[in-house]
PDB file of N, CA and C in Angstrom:
ATOM      1  N   MET A   1       1.025  -1.255  -0.373  1.00  0.00           N
ATOM      2  CA  MET A   1      -0.085  -0.016  -0.163  1.00  0.00           C
ATOM      3  C   MET A   1       1.252   1.525   0.062  1.00  0.00           C
ATOM      4  N   ASP A   2       0.719   1.699  -0.767  1.00  0.00           N
ATOM      5  CA  ASP A   2       1.355   3.479  -1.371  1.00  0.00           C
ATOM      6  C   ASP A   2       0.855   4.243   0.272  1.00  0.00           C
ATOM      7  N   ARG A   3       2.033   5.512   0.637  1.00  0.00           N
ATOM      8  CA  ARG A   3       2.502   5.968   1.449  1.00  0.00           C
ATOM      9  C   ARG A   3       0.134   6.661   1.603  1.00  0.00           C
ATOM     10  N   THR A   4       0.156   7.348   0.856  1.00  0.00           N
ATOM     11  CA  THR A   4      -1.328   7.909   1.186  1.00  0.00           C
ATOM     12  C   THR A   4      -2.273   7.239   1.214  1.00  0.00           C
ATOM     13  N   ARG A   5      -2.292   5.904   1.230  1.00  0.00           N
ATOM     14  CA  ARG A   5      -3.063   4.851   1.198  1.00  0.00           C
ATOM     15  C   ARG A   5      -3.336   4.644   2.492  1.00  0.00           C
ATOM     16  N   GLN A   6      -2.544   4.335   2.931  1.00  0.00           N
ATOM     17  CA  GLN A   6      -1.830   3.579   4.035  1.00  0.00           C
ATOM     18  C   GLN A   6      -2.569   4.884   5.324  1.00  0.00           C
ATOM     19  N   GLN A   7      -2.338   5.937   5.614  1.00  0.00           N
ATOM     20  CA  GLN A   7      -2.741   7.713   5.562  1.00  0.00           C
ATOM     21  C   GLN A   7      -3.843   7.290   5.691  1.00  0.00           C
ATOM     22  N   THR A   8      -4.806   6.801   4.212  1.00  0.00           N
ATOM     23  CA  THR A   8      -6.577   7.169   4.308  1.00  0.00           C
ATOM     24  C   THR A   8      -6.689   5.929   5.570  1.00  0.00           C
ATOM     25  N   PHE A   9      -6.139   4.533   5.332  1.00  0.00           N
ATOM     26  CA  PHE A   9      -6.830   3.574   5.794  1.00  0.00           C
ATOM     27  C   PHE A   9      -7.210   3.631   8.003  1.00  0.00           C
ATOM     28  N   GLY A  10      -5.537   4.906   7.323  1.00  0.00           N
ATOM     29  CA  GLY A  10      -5.747   4.567   8.925  1.00  0.00           C
ATOM     30  C   GLY A  10      -6.543   5.687   9.450  1.00  0.00           C
ATOM     31  N   ALA A  11      -6.746   6.325   8.901  1.00  0.00           N
ATOM     32  CA  ALA A  11      -7.942   7.928   9.077  1.00  0.00           C
ATOM     33  C   ALA A  11      -9.680   7.005   9.704  1.00  0.00           C
ATOM     34  N   ARG A  12      -9.989   6.257   8.085  1.00  0.00           N
ATOM     35  CA  ARG A  12     -11.265   5.269   8.527  1.00  0.00           C
ATOM     36  C   ARG A  12     -11.130   4.616   9.627  1.00  0.00           C
ATOM     37  N   ILE A  13      -9.752   3.675   9.642  1.00  0.00           N
ATOM     38  CA  ILE A  13     -10.802   3.660  10.845  1.00  0.00           C
ATOM     39  C   ILE A  13      -9.997   3.527  12.914  1.00  0.00           C
ATOM     40  N   LYS A  14      -9.235   5.133  12.601  1.00  0.00           N
ATOM     41  CA  LYS A  14      -9.453   5.959  14.101  1.00  0.00           C
ATOM     42  C   LYS A  14     -10.732   6.202  13.801  1.00  0.00           C
ATOM     43  N   ALA A  15     -11.957   6.849  12.867  1.00  0.00           N
ATOM     44  CA  ALA A  15     -12.515   7.439  12.734  1.00  0.00           C
ATOM     45  C   ALA A  15     -13.575   6.623  12.930  1.00  0.00           C
ATOM     46  N   ARG A  16     -13.789   5.067  13.053  1.00  0.00           N
ATOM     47  CA  ARG A  16     -14.552   4.676  13.288  1.00  0.00           C
ATOM     48  C   ARG A  16     -14.414   3.979  15.266  1.00  0.00           C
ATOM     49  N   ARG A  17     -13.075   3.470  14.721  1.00  0.00           N
ATOM     50  CA  ARG A  17     -12.601   3.549  16.352  1.00  0.00           C
ATOM     51  C   ARG A  17     -13.764   4.471  17.301  1.00  0.00           C
ATOM     52  N   GLU A  18     -13.231   5.492  17.075  1.00  0.00           N
ATOM     53  CA  GLU A  18     -13.863   6.386  17.656  1.00  0.00           C
ATOM     54  C   GLU A  18     -15.337   7.279  17.808  1.00  0.00           C
ATOM     55  N   HIS A  19     -15.857   6.371  16.754  1.00  0.00           N
ATOM     56  CA  HIS A  19     -17.765   6.637  16.386  1.00  0.00           C
ATOM     57  C   HIS A  19     -17.377   5.568  17.502  1.00  0.00           C
ATOM     58  N   LEU A  20     -16.779   4.328  17.145  1.00  0.00           N
ATOM     59  CA  LEU A  20     -17.908   3.178  18.607  1.00  0.00           C
ATOM     60  C   LEU A  20     -17.221   3.597  20.321  1.00  0.00           C
ATOM     61  N   ARG A  21     -16.428   4.651  20.604  1.00  0.00           N
ATOM     62  CA  ARG A  21     -15.551   4.933  21.849  1.00  0.00           C
ATOM     63  C   ARG A  21     -15.130   4.376  22.033  1.00  0.00           C
ATOM     64  N   LEU A  22     -14.213   3.693  21.388  1.00  0.00           N
ATOM     65  CA  LEU A  22     -13.187   2.622  22.051  1.00  0.00           C
ATOM     66  C   LEU A  22     -11.758   3.075  21.460  1.00  0.00           C
ATOM     67  N   SER A  23     -11.287   3.192  22.642  1.00  0.00           N
ATOM     68  CA  SER A  23      -9.376   3.587  23.014  1.00  0.00           C
ATOM     69  C   SER A  23      -8.677   3.064  21.870  1.00  0.00           C
ATOM     70  N   GLN A  24      -7.733   3.509  21.838  1.00  0.00           N
ATOM     71  CA  GLN A  24      -6.402   2.498  20.772  1.00  0.00           C
ATOM     72  C   GLN A  24      -6.180   1.065  21.401  1.00  0.00           C
ATOM     73  N   GLN A  25      -5.959   1.335  23.330  1.00  0.00           N
ATOM     74  CA  GLN A  25      -5.869  -0.014  23.740  1.00  0.00           C
ATOM     75  C   GLN A  25      -6.604  -0.677  23.541  1.00  0.00           C
ATOM     76  N   GLN A  26      -8.142  -0.601  23.262  1.00  0.00           N
ATOM     77  CA  GLN A  26      -8.695  -1.478  24.296  1.00  0.00           C
ATOM     78  C   GLN A  26      -8.942  -2.005  22.545  1.00  0.00           C
ATOM     79  N   VAL A  27      -8.859  -0.945  21.604  1.00  0.00           N
ATOM     80  CA  VAL A  27      -9.168  -2.051  19.638  1.00  0.00           C
ATOM     81  C   VAL A  27      -7.439  -3.104  19.617  1.00  0.00           C
ATOM     82  N   ALA A  28      -6.220  -2.302  20.214  1.00  0.00           N
ATOM     83  CA  ALA A  28      -5.234  -3.511  20.035  1.00  0.00           C
ATOM     84  C   ALA A  28      -5.263  -4.680  21.174  1.00  0.00           C
ATOM     85  N   ASP A  29      -6.084  -4.283  22.315  1.00  0.00           N
ATOM     86  CA  ASP A  29      -5.859  -5.359  23.516  1.00  0.00           C
ATOM     87  C   ASP A  29      -6.683  -6.546  22.434  1.00  0.00           C
ATOM     88  N   GLN A  30      -8.030  -5.829  21.818  1.00  0.00           N
ATOM     89  CA  GLN A  30      -9.231  -7.633  21.055  1.00  0.00           C
ATOM     90  C   GLN A  30      -7.991  -7.907  19.563  1.00  0.00           C
ATOM     91  N   LEU A  31      -7.511  -6.810  19.416  1.00  0.00           N
ATOM     92  CA  LEU A  31      -6.449  -7.467  17.952  1.00  0.00           C
ATOM     93  C   LEU A  31      -5.315  -8.993  18.973  1.00  0.00           C
ATOM     94  N   GLY A  32      -4.828  -8.654  19.887  1.00  0.00           N
ATOM     95  CA  GLY A  32      -3.587  -9.157  20.349  1.00  0.00           C
ATOM     96  C   GLY A  32      -2.678  -8.398  20.230  1.00  0.00           C
ATOM     97  N   LEU A  33      -2.419  -7.153  19.999  1.00  0.00           N
ATOM     98  CA  LEU A  33      -1.369  -6.517  19.406  1.00  0.00           C
ATOM     99  C   LEU A  33      -0.812  -5.537  20.938  1.00  0.00           C
ATOM    100  N   GLY A  34       0.047  -4.425  20.662  1.00  0.00           N
ATOM    101  CA  GLY A  34       0.233  -3.470  21.116  1.00  0.00           C
ATOM    102  C   GLY A  34      -0.362  -2.497  20.812  1.00  0.00           C
ATOM    103  N   ARG A  35      -0.030  -1.318  21.945  1.00  0.00           N
ATOM    104  CA  ARG A  35      -1.108  -0.411  21.566  1.00  0.00           C
ATOM    105  C   ARG A  35      -0.564   0.592  20.967  1.00  0.00           C
ATOM    106  N   ALA A  36       0.783   0.604  20.057  1.00  0.00           N
ATOM    107  CA  ALA A  36       1.824   1.283  19.778  1.00  0.00           C
ATOM    108  C   ALA A  36       1.787   0.368  18.400  1.00  0.00           C
ATOM    109  N   THR A  37       1.660  -0.720  18.634  1.00  0.00           N
ATOM    110  CA  THR A  37       1.370  -1.509  16.456  1.00  0.00           C
ATOM    111  C   THR A  37       0.345  -1.119  16.107  1.00  0.00           C
ATOM    112  N   TYR A  38      -0.602  -0.758  17.135  1.00  0.00           N
ATOM    113  CA  TYR A  38      -1.881  -0.568  16.332  1.00  0.00           C
ATOM    114  C   TYR A  38      -1.830   0.975  16.118  1.00  0.00           C
ATOM    115  N   ALA A  39      -1.166   2.112  17.118  1.00  0.00           N
ATOM    116  CA  ALA A  39      -1.164   3.046  16.787  1.00  0.00           C
ATOM    117  C   ALA A  39      -0.684   3.775  15.248  1.00  0.00           C
ATOM    118  N   HIS A  40       0.271   2.743  15.175  1.00  0.00           N
ATOM    119  CA  HIS A  40       1.246   2.749  13.095  1.00  0.00           C
ATOM    120  C   HIS A  40      -0.126   2.683  12.489  1.00  0.00           C
ATOM    121  N   TYR A  41      -0.535   2.054  12.638  1.00  0.00           N
ATOM    122  CA  TYR A  41      -1.994   1.504  11.694  1.00  0.00           C
ATOM    123  C   TYR A  41      -2.952   2.567  10.948  1.00  0.00           C
ATOM    124  N   GLU A  42      -2.844   3.227  12.253  1.00  0.00           N
ATOM    125  CA  GLU A  42      -3.710   4.814  12.323  1.00  0.00           C
ATOM    126  C   GLU A  42      -3.194   5.811  11.652  1.00  0.00           C
ATOM    127  N   THR A  43      -1.671   5.550  12.046  1.00  0.00           N
ATOM    128  CA  THR A  43      -0.583   7.067  11.873  1.00  0.00           C
ATOM    129  C   THR A  43      -0.140   6.694   9.717  1.00  0.00           C
ATOM    130  N   GLY A  44      -0.339   5.518   9.542  1.00  0.00           N
ATOM    131  CA  GLY A  44       0.015   4.769   8.095  1.00  0.00           C
ATOM    132  C   GLY A  44       1.340   4.543   8.761  1.00  0.00           C
ATOM    133  N   ARG A  45       2.375   4.160   9.047  1.00  0.00           N
ATOM    134  CA  ARG A  45       3.303   4.124   9.198  1.00  0.00           C
ATOM    135  C   ARG A  45       3.706   2.908   9.296  1.00  0.00           C
ATOM    136  N   SER A  46       2.881   1.975   9.598  1.00  0.00           N
ATOM    137  CA  SER A  46       2.781   0.159   9.190  1.00  0.00           C
ATOM    138  C   SER A  46       1.356  -0.300   8.476  1.00  0.00           C
ATOM    139  N   GLU A  47       2.330  -1.338   7.388  1.00  0.00           N
ATOM    140  CA  GLU A  47       1.177  -1.251   6.714  1.00  0.00           C
ATOM    141  C   GLU A  47       0.697  -3.163   7.800  1.00  0.00           C
ATOM    142  N   ILE A  48      -0.773  -3.544   7.704  1.00  0.00           N
ATOM    143  CA  ILE A  48      -1.337  -4.511   8.805  1.00  0.00           C
ATOM    144  C   ILE A  48      -2.137  -5.736   8.057  1.00  0.00           C
ATOM    145  N   THR A  49      -1.395  -6.601   8.662  1.00  0.00           N
ATOM    146  CA  THR A  49      -1.160  -8.064   7.721  1.00  0.00           C
ATOM    147  C   THR A  49      -3.053  -7.604   7.303  1.00  0.00           C
ATOM    148  N   ALA A  50      -3.535  -9.038   6.213  1.00  0.00           N
ATOM    149  CA  ALA A  50      -4.327  -9.802   5.756  1.00  0.00           C
ATOM    150  C   ALA A  50      -5.058 -10.627   7.621  1.00  0.00           C
ATOM    151  N   LEU A  51      -4.840 -11.366   8.573  1.00  0.00           N
ATOM    152  CA  LEU A  51      -5.094 -11.584   8.881  1.00  0.00           C
ATOM    153  C   LEU A  51      -5.321 -10.097  10.120  1.00  0.00           C
ATOM    154  N   ASP A  52      -4.461  -9.071  10.547  1.00  0.00           N
ATOM    155  CA  ASP A  52      -5.021  -8.778  11.652  1.00  0.00           C
ATOM    156  C   ASP A  52      -6.332  -7.606  10.565  1.00  0.00           C
ATOM    157  N   LEU A  53      -6.655  -7.119   9.552  1.00  0.00           N
ATOM    158  CA  LEU A  53      -6.652  -6.888   8.260  1.00  0.00           C
ATOM    159  C   LEU A  53      -8.591  -7.053   8.851  1.00  0.00           C
ATOM    160  N   GLU A  54      -8.807  -8.600   8.788  1.00  0.00           N
ATOM    161  CA  GLU A  54     -10.078  -9.316   9.227  1.00  0.00           C
ATOM    162  C   GLU A  54     -10.926  -9.317  10.785  1.00  0.00           C
ATOM    163  N   ARG A  55      -9.056  -9.448  11.631  1.00  0.00           N
ATOM    164  CA  ARG A  55      -9.845  -9.115  12.672  1.00  0.00           C
ATOM    165  C   ARG A  55     -10.243  -7.648  13.263  1.00  0.00           C
ATOM    166  N   LEU A  56      -9.866  -7.442  12.760  1.00  0.00           N
ATOM    167  CA  LEU A  56     -10.395  -5.251  12.688  1.00  0.00           C
ATOM    168  C   LEU A  56     -11.810  -5.289  11.832  1.00  0.00           C
ATOM    169  N   ALA A  57     -12.192  -5.468  10.935  1.00  0.00           N
ATOM    170  CA  ALA A  57     -13.198  -5.455  11.014  1.00  0.00           C
ATOM    171  C   ALA A  57     -13.762  -6.159  11.749  1.00  0.00           C
ATOM    172  N   HIS A  58     -13.627  -7.358  12.176  1.00  0.00           N
ATOM    173  CA  HIS A  58     -14.430  -7.856  13.714  1.00  0.00           C
ATOM    174  C   HIS A  58     -14.662  -6.903  14.610  1.00  0.00           C
ATOM    175  N   VAL A  59     -13.756  -6.192  14.899  1.00  0.00           N
ATOM    176  CA  VAL A  59     -13.814  -5.391  16.087  1.00  0.00           C
ATOM    177  C   VAL A  59     -14.327  -4.426  16.090  1.00  0.00           C
ATOM    178  N   LEU A  60     -13.985  -3.695  14.920  1.00  0.00           N
ATOM    179  CA  LEU A  60     -15.041  -2.432  14.244  1.00  0.00           C
ATOM    180  C   LEU A  60     -16.577  -2.053  14.167  1.00  0.00           C
ATOM    181  N   SER A  61     -16.925  -3.820  13.600  1.00  0.00           N
ATOM    182  CA  SER A  61     -18.390  -4.029  12.960  1.00  0.00           C
ATOM    183  C   SER A  61     -18.344  -3.848  11.619  1.00  0.00           C
ATOM    184  N   VAL A  62     -17.350  -3.515  11.281  1.00  0.00           N
ATOM    185  CA  VAL A  62     -17.989  -3.186   9.462  1.00  0.00           C
ATOM    186  C   VAL A  62     -17.348  -3.989   8.369  1.00  0.00           C
ATOM    187  N   PRO A  63     -17.644  -4.189   7.088  1.00  0.00           N
ATOM    188  CA  PRO A  63     -17.145  -4.907   5.955  1.00  0.00           C
ATOM    189  C   PRO A  63     -15.607  -4.134   5.675  1.00  0.00           C
ATOM    190  N   VAL A  64     -14.479  -5.494   4.987  1.00  0.00           N
ATOM    191  CA  VAL A  64     -13.137  -4.979   5.253  1.00  0.00           C
ATOM    192  C   VAL A  64     -13.294  -3.917   3.999  1.00  0.00           C
ATOM    193  N   SER A  65     -14.439  -3.802   3.245  1.00  0.00           N
ATOM    194  CA  SER A  65     -14.570  -2.754   1.601  1.00  0.00           C
ATOM    195  C   SER A  65     -14.417  -1.666   2.648  1.00  0.00           C
ATOM    196  N   TYR A  66     -15.194  -1.307   3.600  1.00  0.00           N
ATOM    197  CA  TYR A  66     -15.070   0.023   4.469  1.00  0.00           C
ATOM    198  C   TYR A  66     -13.894   0.869   4.418  1.00  0.00           C
ATOM    199  N   PHE A  67     -12.291  -0.134   5.151  1.00  0.00           N
ATOM    200  CA  PHE A  67     -10.879   0.121   4.905  1.00  0.00           C
ATOM    201  C   PHE A  67     -10.821   1.206   3.583  1.00  0.00           C
ATOM    202  N   PHE A  68     -11.554   0.686   2.002  1.00  0.00           N
ATOM    203  CA  PHE A  68     -10.848   0.839   1.087  1.00  0.00           C
ATOM    204  C   PHE A  68     -12.133   1.523   0.644  1.00  0.00           C
ATOM    205  N   GLY A  69     -13.191   2.188   0.480  1.00  0.00           N
ATOM    206  CA  GLY A  69     -13.646   2.890  -0.158  1.00  0.00           C
ATOM    207  C   GLY A  69     -14.502   2.914   0.348  1.00  0.00           C
ATOM    208  N   ASP A  70     -15.498   1.907   0.857  1.00  0.00           N
ATOM    209  CA  ASP A  70     -17.284   1.747   0.671  1.00  0.00           C
ATOM    210  C   ASP A  70     -16.840   3.229   1.743  1.00  0.00           C
ATOM    211  N   ASP A  71     -18.006   4.528   2.095  1.00  0.00           N
ATOM    212  CA  ASP A  71     -18.311   5.226   2.740  1.00  0.00           C
ATOM    213  C   ASP A  71     -18.299   5.271   4.253  1.00  0.00           C
ATOM    214  N   GLY A  72     -19.008   3.967   4.438  1.00  0.00           N
ATOM    215  CA  GLY A  72     -19.608   3.619   5.533  1.00  0.00           C
ATOM    216  C   GLY A  72     -20.870   4.247   5.898  1.00  0.00           C
ATOM    217  N   GLN A  73     -20.907   5.528   5.124  1.00  0.00           N
ATOM    218  CA  GLN A  73     -22.131   6.840   5.859  1.00  0.00           C
ATOM    219  C   GLN A  73     -23.685   5.605   5.938  1.00  0.00           C
ATOM    220  N   ASP A  74     -23.542   4.182   5.664  1.00  0.00           N
ATOM    221  CA  ASP A  74     -25.105   3.686   6.079  1.00  0.00           C
ATOM    222  C   ASP A  74     -24.955   2.734   7.115  1.00  0.00           C
ATOM    223  N   LEU A  75     -23.342   2.553   7.801  1.00  0.00           N
ATOM    224  CA  LEU A  75     -23.365   2.130   8.302  1.00  0.00           C
ATOM    225  C   LEU A  75     -23.490   3.262   9.930  1.00  0.00           C
ATOM    226  N   PHE A  76     -23.199   4.234   9.858  1.00  0.00           N
ATOM    227  CA  PHE A  76     -23.609   5.270  10.587  1.00  0.00           C
ATOM    228  C   PHE A  76     -24.583   5.618  11.163  1.00  0.00           C
ATOM    229  N   ARG A  77     -25.193   5.577  10.122  1.00  0.00           N
ATOM    230  CA  ARG A  77     -27.011   5.715  10.081  1.00  0.00           C
ATOM    231  C   ARG A  77     -27.620   4.423  11.248  1.00  0.00           C
ATOM    232  N   GLU A  78     -27.252   3.890  10.608  1.00  0.00           N
ATOM    233  CA  GLU A  78     -27.734   2.565  11.055  1.00  0.00           C
ATOM    234  C   GLU A  78     -27.935   2.705  12.693  1.00  0.00           C
ATOM    235  N   ASP A  79     -26.396   3.032  12.908  1.00  0.00           N
ATOM    236  CA  ASP A  79     -25.852   3.088  14.119  1.00  0.00           C
ATOM    237  C   ASP A  79     -27.377   4.260  15.012  1.00  0.00           C
ATOM    238  N   GLU A  80     -26.730   5.137  14.932  1.00  0.00           N
ATOM    239  CA  GLU A  80     -28.070   5.763  15.021  1.00  0.00           C
ATOM    240  C   GLU A  80     -29.105   5.931  15.421  1.00  0.00           C
ATOM    241  N   VAL A  81     -29.914   5.171  13.641  1.00  0.00           N
ATOM    242  CA  VAL A  81     -31.527   4.051  14.039  1.00  0.00           C
ATOM    243  C   VAL A  81     -31.162   3.665  15.381  1.00  0.00           C
ATOM    244  N   VAL A  82     -30.648   2.188  15.473  1.00  0.00           N
ATOM    245  CA  VAL A  82     -30.433   2.009  16.769  1.00  0.00           C
ATOM    246  C   VAL A  82     -30.122   2.256  17.642  1.00  0.00           C
ATOM    247  N   SER A  83     -29.188   3.648  17.971  1.00  0.00           N
ATOM    248  CA  SER A  83     -29.586   4.558  19.239  1.00  0.00           C
ATOM    249  C   SER A  83     -30.616   5.018  19.618  1.00  0.00           C
ATOM    250  N   ALA A  84     -30.896   6.000  18.349  1.00  0.00           N
ATOM    251  CA  ALA A  84     -32.570   6.220  18.667  1.00  0.00           C
ATOM    252  C   ALA A  84     -33.712   5.132  18.969  1.00  0.00           C
ATOM    253  N   ALA A  85     -34.223   3.829  19.095  1.00  0.00           N
ATOM    254  CA  ALA A  85     -35.028   3.269  19.081  1.00  0.00           C
ATOM    255  C   ALA A  85     -34.266   3.225  19.758  1.00  0.00           C
ATOM    256  N   PHE A  86     -33.233   2.532  20.550  1.00  0.00           N
ATOM    257  CA  PHE A  86     -33.266   2.121  21.972  1.00  0.00           C
ATOM    258  C   PHE A  86     -33.399   3.429  22.978  1.00  0.00           C
ATOM    259  N   ARG A  87     -32.960   4.652  23.120  1.00  0.00           N
ATOM    260  CA  ARG A  87     -33.458   5.220  23.783  1.00  0.00           C
ATOM    261  C   ARG A  87     -34.706   5.577  23.735  1.00  0.00           C
ATOM    262  N   ASP A  88     -35.883   5.113  23.316  1.00  0.00           N
ATOM    263  CA  ASP A  88     -37.141   5.237  23.408  1.00  0.00           C
ATOM    264  C   ASP A  88     -37.983   3.832  24.347  1.00  0.00           C
ATOM    265  N   LEU A  89     -36.972   3.366  23.929  1.00  0.00           N
ATOM    266  CA  LEU A  89     -37.012   2.118  25.250  1.00  0.00           C
ATOM    267  C   LEU A  89     -37.844   2.560  26.260  1.00  0.00           C
ATOM    268  N   GLU A  90     -38.581   1.617  26.516  1.00  0.00           N
ATOM    269  CA  GLU A  90     -38.588   1.415  28.168  1.00  0.00           C
ATOM    270  C   GLU A  90     -37.357   1.512  29.337  1.00  0.00           C
ATOM    271  N   PRO A  91     -37.235   1.711  30.423  1.00  0.00           N
ATOM    272  CA  PRO A  91     -36.675   1.518  31.287  1.00  0.00           C
ATOM    273  C   PRO A  91     -35.987   0.232  31.480  1.00  0.00           C
ATOM    274  N   HIS A  92     -36.831  -0.932  32.243  1.00  0.00           N
ATOM    275  CA  HIS A  92     -36.912  -2.144  32.229  1.00  0.00           C
ATOM    276  C   HIS A  92     -36.215  -2.957  31.040  1.00  0.00           C
ATOM    277  N   VAL A  93     -37.243  -2.390  29.513  1.00  0.00           N
ATOM    278  CA  VAL A  93     -36.755  -2.938  28.758  1.00  0.00           C
ATOM    279  C   VAL A  93     -34.701  -2.778  28.224  1.00  0.00           C
ATOM    280  N   GLN A  94     -34.702  -1.243  28.095  1.00  0.00           N
ATOM    281  CA  GLN A  94     -33.283  -1.532  28.197  1.00  0.00           C
ATOM    282  C   GLN A  94     -32.352  -1.931  29.599  1.00  0.00           C
ATOM    283  N   ALA A  95     -32.925  -2.391  30.190  1.00  0.00           N
ATOM    284  CA  ALA A  95     -31.895  -3.624  31.032  1.00  0.00           C
ATOM    285  C   ALA A  95     -31.811  -5.152  30.339  1.00  0.00           C
ATOM    286  N   GLY A  96     -33.025  -4.864  30.846  1.00  0.00           N
ATOM    287  CA  GLY A  96     -32.962  -6.671  29.489  1.00  0.00           C
ATOM    288  C   GLY A  96     -32.419  -7.108  28.495  1.00  0.00           C
ATOM    289  N   ILE A  97     -32.158  -5.708  27.437  1.00  0.00           N
ATOM    290  CA  ILE A  97     -31.499  -5.576  26.439  1.00  0.00           C
ATOM    291  C   ILE A  97     -29.925  -5.554  26.868  1.00  0.00           C
ATOM    292  N   LYS A  98     -29.702  -4.827  27.764  1.00  0.00           N
ATOM    293  CA  LYS A  98     -28.162  -4.615  28.131  1.00  0.00           C
ATOM    294  C   LYS A  98     -27.788  -6.344  28.796  1.00  0.00           C
ATOM    295  N   ALA A  99     -28.897  -6.691  29.380  1.00  0.00           N
ATOM    296  CA  ALA A  99     -27.660  -7.252  30.334  1.00  0.00           C
ATOM    297  C   ALA A  99     -27.517  -8.879  29.088  1.00  0.00           C
ATOM    298  N   MET A 100     -28.359  -8.945  27.994  1.00  0.00           N
ATOM    299  CA  MET A 100     -27.941 -10.238  26.935  1.00  0.00           C
ATOM    300  C   MET A 100     -27.058  -9.689  26.611  1.00  0.00           C
ATOM    301  N   ILE A 101     -26.624  -7.952  25.926  1.00  0.00           N
ATOM    302  CA  ILE A 101     -25.164  -7.909  25.111  1.00  0.00           C
ATOM    303  C   ILE A 101     -24.221  -8.199  26.412  1.00  0.00           C
ATOM    304  N   LEU A 102     -24.311  -7.945  27.393  1.00  0.00           N
ATOM    305  CA  LEU A 102     -23.551  -7.697  28.529  1.00  0.00           C
ATOM    306  C   LEU A 102     -22.829  -9.459  28.499  1.00  0.00           C
ATOM    307  N   GLU A 103     -24.224 -10.270  28.817  1.00  0.00           N
ATOM    308  CA  GLU A 103     -23.979 -12.299  28.421  1.00  0.00           C
ATOM    309  C   GLU A 103     -23.123 -12.212  27.183  1.00  0.00           C
ATOM    310  N   SER A 104     -24.092 -12.148  26.314  1.00  0.00           N
ATOM    311  CA  SER A 104     -23.153 -12.529  25.041  1.00  0.00           C
ATOM    312  C   SER A 104     -21.663 -11.876  24.919  1.00  0.00           C
ATOM    313  N   GLN A 105     -21.382 -10.901  24.896  1.00  0.00           N
ATOM    314  CA  GLN A 105     -20.230 -10.788  25.212  1.00  0.00           C
ATOM    315  C   GLN A 105     -19.119 -11.269  25.760  1.00  0.00           C
ATOM    316  N   ARG A 106     -19.321 -12.085  26.967  1.00  0.00           N
ATOM    317  CA  ARG A 106     -19.062 -12.780  27.461  1.00  0.00           C
ATOM    318  C   ARG A 106     -18.738 -14.229  27.516  1.00  0.00           C
ATOM    319  N   ALA A 107     -19.436 -14.580  26.680  1.00  0.00           N
ATOM    320  CA  ALA A 107     -19.804 -15.841  25.302  1.00  0.00           C
ATOM    321  C   ALA A 107     -18.434 -15.792  24.652  1.00  0.00           C
ATOM    322  N   ARG A 108     -18.812 -14.688  24.107  1.00  0.00           N
ATOM    323  CA  ARG A 108     -17.924 -14.338  22.935  1.00  0.00           C
ATOM    324  C   ARG A 108     -16.404 -14.601  23.468  1.00  0.00           C
ATOM    325  N   GLU A 109     -16.161 -14.004  25.099  1.00  0.00           N
ATOM    326  CA  GLU A 109     -14.884 -13.925  25.427  1.00  0.00           C
ATOM    327  C   GLU A 109     -14.250 -15.206  26.468  1.00  0.00           C
ATOM    328  N   ARG A 110     -15.216 -15.582  26.889  1.00  0.00           N
ATOM    329  CA  ARG A 110     -15.038 -16.978  26.972  1.00  0.00           C
ATOM    330  C   ARG A 110     -14.872 -18.234  25.787  1.00  0.00           C
ATOM    331  N   SER A 111     -15.697 -17.673  24.566  1.00  0.00           N
ATOM    332  CA  SER A 111     -15.331 -18.997  23.441  1.00  0.00           C
ATOM    333  C   SER A 111     -13.596 -18.096  23.138  1.00  0.00           C
ATOM    334  N   GLU A 112     -14.026 -17.016  22.948  1.00  0.00           N
ATOM    335  CA  GLU A 112     -12.507 -17.300  22.448  1.00  0.00           C
ATOM    336  C   GLU A 112     -11.674 -17.031  22.824  1.00  0.00           C
ATOM    337  N   THR A 113     -11.194 -17.329  24.688  1.00  0.00           N
ATOM    338  CA  THR A 113      -9.775 -17.369  25.970  1.00  0.00           C
ATOM    339  C   THR A 113     -10.014 -18.904  24.992  1.00  0.00           C
ATOM    340  N   THR A 114     -10.928 -19.947  25.040  1.00  0.00           N
ATOM    341  CA  THR A 114     -11.308 -21.290  24.697  1.00  0.00           C
ATOM    342  C   THR A 114      -9.894 -21.586  23.224  1.00  0.00           C
ATOM    343  N   PHE A 115     -10.647 -20.864  22.056  1.00  0.00           N
ATOM    344  CA  PHE A 115      -9.948 -21.074  21.019  1.00  0.00           C
ATOM    345  C   PHE A 115      -8.226 -20.821  20.931  1.00  0.00           C
ATOM    346  N   GLY A 116      -8.275 -19.548  21.776  1.00  0.00           N
ATOM    347  CA  GLY A 116      -7.228 -19.100  21.594  1.00  0.00           C
ATOM    348  C   GLY A 116      -6.088 -20.750  22.354  1.00  0.00           C
ATOM    349  N   LYS A 117      -6.390 -21.073  23.677  1.00  0.00           N
ATOM    350  CA  LYS A 117      -5.565 -21.754  23.611  1.00  0.00           C
ATOM    351  C   LYS A 117      -6.179 -23.085  23.631  1.00  0.00           C
ATOM    352  N   LYS A 118      -6.309 -23.288  22.721  1.00  0.00           N
ATOM    353  CA  LYS A 118      -6.151 -24.640  21.745  1.00  0.00           C
ATOM    354  C   LYS A 118      -5.733 -24.291  20.895  1.00  0.00           C
ATOM    355  N   ALA A 119      -5.884 -23.574  20.233  1.00  0.00           N
ATOM    356  CA  ALA A 119      -4.782 -23.082  19.614  1.00  0.00           C
ATOM    357  C   ALA A 119      -2.810 -23.244  19.495  1.00  0.00           C
ATOM    358  N   GLU A 120      -2.840 -22.494  20.569  1.00  0.00           N
ATOM    359  CA  GLU A 120      -1.719 -22.610  21.264  1.00  0.00           C
ATOM    360  C   GLU A 120      -0.774 -24.062  20.932  1.00  0.00           C
TER     361      GLU A 120
END
């Protein structure tokens, strides 16, 4: 990837990370990287591997094409619609949804931990 494309790529991942209110450290942890390595992806100082690119797309909840030209506007609009719909729900319904999301995240973390142990 040429330098300009790397910087554009970096700007797109940074924008998406910030939109999701994630820190560089949080994303790096999910990718199994150091924060500095991840930061170099955002600044265009390092090229990302294909495997990390795939993982990054998963962490940021975007298709890989988002990083290379898909404007991603549908993703941001969808997030806004979901957020607005959630805010309109009764508090007890919101609490139930939050509980389901947290349990889903815990299950995924357990699965990733188990997978990681098998891969060693």
